[in-house]
Amino acid sequence: MSIIDSKYEAEENDQFAQSRSHEASKIAYDFSKSSAQACLVINGGAATAVIALVGKSDVSNVRVIGWCLVLYAVGVAAGAFMMFASMRMADHWNYFWYHMSYTGEEERGRQHEKHASRWDNGVRSSFGLSIVCFIVASIILSYSLTAKITAGLSAAP
């Protein structure tokens, strides 16, 4: 193999690596965005269902319903924050690679790497918070409705 052939092969490998990196980055961002949208839909849909339930039935424990709605709202806000954090994380990773690959300013690249890692923690935390809010609110609501039904059955003659 000649020097020209090995140089050409190295360029091909670099192009393949670059293309694969771009595609992996795009897939990761799209998945993160879809996860955040799911958090929004799950909590928002649950809140809508609770509001519809309140409108159609006699709800005696309004305080419990209110807290469930608050938890679902926090879940929606966490999902919205997750979308924002995903965007900021992707921006900082893009700047990191830009500085590391093109400008040679490693210090600036490392700063963006730190920021990207922080935003990544925000993405993960907000996802967890959104899911926890949904689970806790749903358990509280289920318990409250079950207690009401059980009380109604035991009071029957």
Foldseek 3Di string as FASTA:
>chain_A
DDPVVVVVVVVVVVVVVVVVVVVVLVVVLVVLLVLLVVLLCLLVVVLVVLVVVVVPDPDDCVVLSVLLNVLSVLSNVLSVLLNVLSVLLSVLQVVLCCCVPPVVPNVSSVVSVVSSVVSVVSNVVSSVSSVVSSVVSVVSVVVSVVVVVVVVVVPDD
